[in-house]
Protein backbone atom coordinates (compact mmCIF):
# COMPACT_ATOMS: atom_id res chain seq x y z
CA MET A 1 12.18 11.46 3.49
CA GLY A 2 12.56 8.79 0.84
CA ASP A 3 10.06 9.26 -1.97
CA CYS A 4 9.20 12.80 -0.88
CA GLN A 5 12.49 14.20 -2.10
CA THR A 6 11.61 13.33 -5.69
CA LEU A 7 7.99 14.40 -5.30
CA GLY A 8 8.49 17.94 -4.04
CA ASP A 9 9.67 17.67 -0.43
CA CYS A 10 7.01 16.81 2.11
CA ASN A 11 6.83 19.35 4.89
CA ASP A 12 4.36 20.42 7.55
CA GLU A 13 2.24 22.16 4.92
CA ARG A 14 1.82 18.94 2.96
CA ILE A 15 0.92 17.10 6.17
CA VAL A 16 -1.76 19.73 6.86
CA ARG A 17 -3.06 19.07 3.33
CA ILE A 18 -3.31 15.36 4.19
CA TYR A 19 -5.44 16.26 7.22
CA GLU A 20 -7.62 18.45 5.00
CA TYR A 21 -7.88 15.52 2.58
CA LEU A 22 -9.11 13.29 5.40
CA ASP A 23 -11.58 15.98 6.51
CA GLY A 24 -12.97 16.38 2.97
CA ALA A 25 -11.95 20.05 3.00
CA LEU A 26 -10.17 20.21 -0.37
CA SER A 27 -11.31 21.21 -3.83
CA ARG A 28 -11.71 18.49 -6.44
CA GLU A 29 -8.42 19.55 -8.04
CA ASP A 30 -6.57 19.47 -4.72
CA LEU A 31 -8.09 16.08 -3.89
CA GLY A 32 -6.58 14.63 -7.05
CA GLU A 33 -3.19 16.14 -6.30
CA ILE A 34 -3.05 14.78 -2.75
CA LYS A 35 -4.41 11.37 -3.80
CA THR A 36 -1.72 11.08 -6.48
CA HIS A 37 0.93 12.12 -3.97
CA LEU A 38 -0.28 9.55 -1.41
CA ASP A 39 -0.22 6.84 -4.09
CA ASN A 40 3.43 7.61 -4.83
CA CYS A 41 4.92 8.65 -1.50
CA THR A 42 5.51 5.98 1.13
CA ASP A 43 6.32 8.56 3.82
CA CYS A 44 3.09 10.51 3.39
CA SER A 45 0.95 7.42 2.88
CA GLY A 46 2.34 6.14 6.20
CA GLU A 47 1.36 9.43 7.85
CA TYR A 48 -2.09 9.13 6.24
CA ASP A 49 -2.50 5.53 7.49
CA LEU A 50 -1.47 6.53 11.02
CA GLU A 51 -3.95 9.41 11.06
CA CYS A 52 -6.71 7.04 9.85
CA VAL A 53 -5.96 4.66 12.75
CA ILE A 54 -5.94 7.52 15.27
CA ARG A 55 -9.24 8.88 13.98
CA SER A 56 -10.79 5.41 14.08
CA VAL A 57 -9.74 4.85 17.70
CA VAL A 58 -11.00 8.29 18.76
CA LYS A 59 -14.30 7.76 16.95
CA ARG A 60 -14.77 4.34 18.55
CA SER A 61 -13.99 5.66 22.05
CA CYS A 62 -16.43 8.52 21.64
CA LYS A 63 -19.23 5.96 21.23
CA GLU A 64 -18.53 4.34 24.59
CA ALA A 65 -20.86 5.41 27.36
CA ALA A 66 -19.59 6.47 30.75
CA PRO A 67 -20.55 4.16 33.62
CA GLU A 68 -23.70 5.20 35.46
CA THR A 69 -21.75 5.50 38.72
CA LEU A 70 -19.44 8.07 37.15
CA LYS A 71 -22.37 10.04 35.77
CA ALA A 72 -24.04 10.03 39.19
CA ALA A 73 -20.83 11.16 40.92
CA ILE A 74 -20.34 14.04 38.48
CA LEU A 75 -23.93 15.19 38.79
CA ALA A 76 -23.74 14.97 42.58
CA ARG A 77 -20.61 17.13 42.64
CA LEU A 78 -22.20 19.66 40.32
CA HIS A 79 -25.12 19.91 42.73
CA GLY A 80 -22.81 20.19 45.75
CA ASP A 81 -23.56 16.76 47.19
CA SER A 82 -20.74 14.63 48.54
CA VAL A 83 -20.62 11.18 47.03
CA ALA A 84 -18.12 8.39 47.68
CA VAL A 85 -16.72 7.03 44.44
């Protein structure tokens, strides 16, 4: 893993720490450690960038509204009505 070998071997645990970093779930001290690591490790910064893109796409798609016809069909099925879709 390129730069990771000189920086302490990046493993699944470090990747979890990157997710925690993105979630804002780290202490101030840990934030600094992960930030420094991301600044110096191309492998982990690539993983970070990928996760940022994924989160952005998911966030954007969650804002899209379902079509009214789909909503009506779901509600009709929940109420036992038959509706052609």
